[in-house]
Amino acid sequence: MKAPALKPEQFVTDAKGKRVGVLLDMATYDRLREAEEELADLRAYDTARPKVQAEVAAGKVVSLAHYQLKRNARRK
């Protein structure tokens, strides 16, 4: 795959010349959005992990196979 060429930054400025935004090409925008979603997933995992580990250590979880057996037994 060919590496994308670097493009000069394009800023949106207000009447005083203060930078208030930036223009991005779609490929860069898409990469940033994907990275943002991945970071959100990692943060959610890091937040949930201690609780899940505590539940596993306390024996408060069941295997998927056990859950499915109990669920199927209730349906009959």
Protein backbone atom coordinates (compact mmCIF):
# COMPACT_ATOMS: atom_id res chain seq x y z
CA MET A 1 0.00 0.00 0.00
CA LYS A 2 1.28 3.41 -0.89
CA ALA A 3 1.86 5.75 2.05
CA PRO A 4 -0.32 8.88 1.96
CA ALA A 5 1.48 12.08 1.08
CA LEU A 6 1.71 14.61 3.86
CA LYS A 7 -0.43 17.64 3.23
CA PRO A 8 0.05 21.07 4.71
CA GLU A 9 -2.25 21.88 7.57
CA GLN A 10 -5.22 24.03 6.67
CA PHE A 11 -6.70 26.04 9.51
CA VAL A 12 -9.99 27.90 9.77
CA THR A 13 -9.50 31.26 11.44
CA ASP A 14 -11.80 33.86 12.90
CA ALA A 15 -11.80 37.56 12.01
CA LYS A 16 -8.86 38.17 14.36
CA GLY A 17 -6.78 35.41 12.79
CA LYS A 18 -7.21 33.03 15.74
CA ARG A 19 -7.27 29.36 14.74
CA VAL A 20 -10.72 27.95 15.43
CA GLY A 21 -10.71 24.79 13.30
CA VAL A 22 -8.77 22.61 10.93
CA LEU A 23 -9.62 21.03 7.59
CA LEU A 24 -8.78 17.36 7.21
CA ASP A 25 -8.88 15.06 4.23
CA MET A 26 -11.34 12.18 4.61
CA ALA A 27 -8.64 9.52 4.99
CA THR A 28 -7.09 11.36 7.94
CA TYR A 29 -10.51 12.00 9.47
CA ASP A 30 -11.46 8.32 9.15
CA ARG A 31 -8.18 7.22 10.78
CA LEU A 32 -8.73 9.64 13.66
CA ARG A 33 -12.30 8.41 14.18
CA GLU A 34 -11.17 4.77 14.18
CA ALA A 35 -8.43 5.59 16.69
CA GLU A 36 -10.97 7.41 18.87
CA GLU A 37 -13.32 4.41 18.84
CA GLU A 38 -10.48 2.04 19.65
CA LEU A 39 -9.40 4.23 22.56
CA ALA A 40 -12.97 4.30 23.89
CA ASP A 41 -13.09 0.49 23.71
CA LEU A 42 -9.79 0.21 25.59
CA ARG A 43 -10.99 2.60 28.29
CA ALA A 44 -14.26 0.67 28.69
CA TYR A 45 -12.29 -2.58 29.00
CA ASP A 46 -9.92 -1.06 31.57
CA THR A 47 -12.92 0.21 33.56
CA ALA A 48 -14.78 -3.12 33.53
CA ARG A 49 -11.79 -5.42 34.07
CA PRO A 50 -11.39 -5.06 37.88
CA LYS A 51 -15.10 -5.75 38.47
CA VAL A 52 -15.05 -8.81 36.22
CA GLN A 53 -11.88 -10.13 37.82
CA ALA A 54 -13.47 -9.74 41.27
CA GLU A 55 -16.60 -11.59 40.14
CA VAL A 56 -14.53 -14.43 38.68
CA ALA A 57 -12.44 -14.66 41.86
CA ALA A 58 -15.62 -14.75 43.97
CA GLY A 59 -17.12 -17.50 41.81
CA LYS A 60 -20.04 -15.32 40.69
CA VAL A 61 -19.76 -16.36 37.05
CA VAL A 62 -20.83 -19.43 35.13
CA SER A 63 -19.55 -20.89 31.90
CA LEU A 64 -21.40 -20.29 28.66
CA ALA A 65 -22.08 -24.02 28.36
CA HIS A 66 -23.68 -24.11 31.83
CA TYR A 67 -25.80 -21.05 31.04
CA GLN A 68 -27.00 -22.58 27.77
CA LEU A 69 -27.93 -25.86 29.46
CA LYS A 70 -30.01 -24.05 32.10
CA ARG A 71 -31.65 -21.82 29.49
CA ASN A 72 -32.55 -24.74 27.23
CA ALA A 73 -33.93 -26.68 30.21
CA ARG A 74 -36.28 -23.76 31.04
CA ARG A 75 -37.59 -23.63 27.47
CA LYS A 76 -38.82 -27.24 27.48
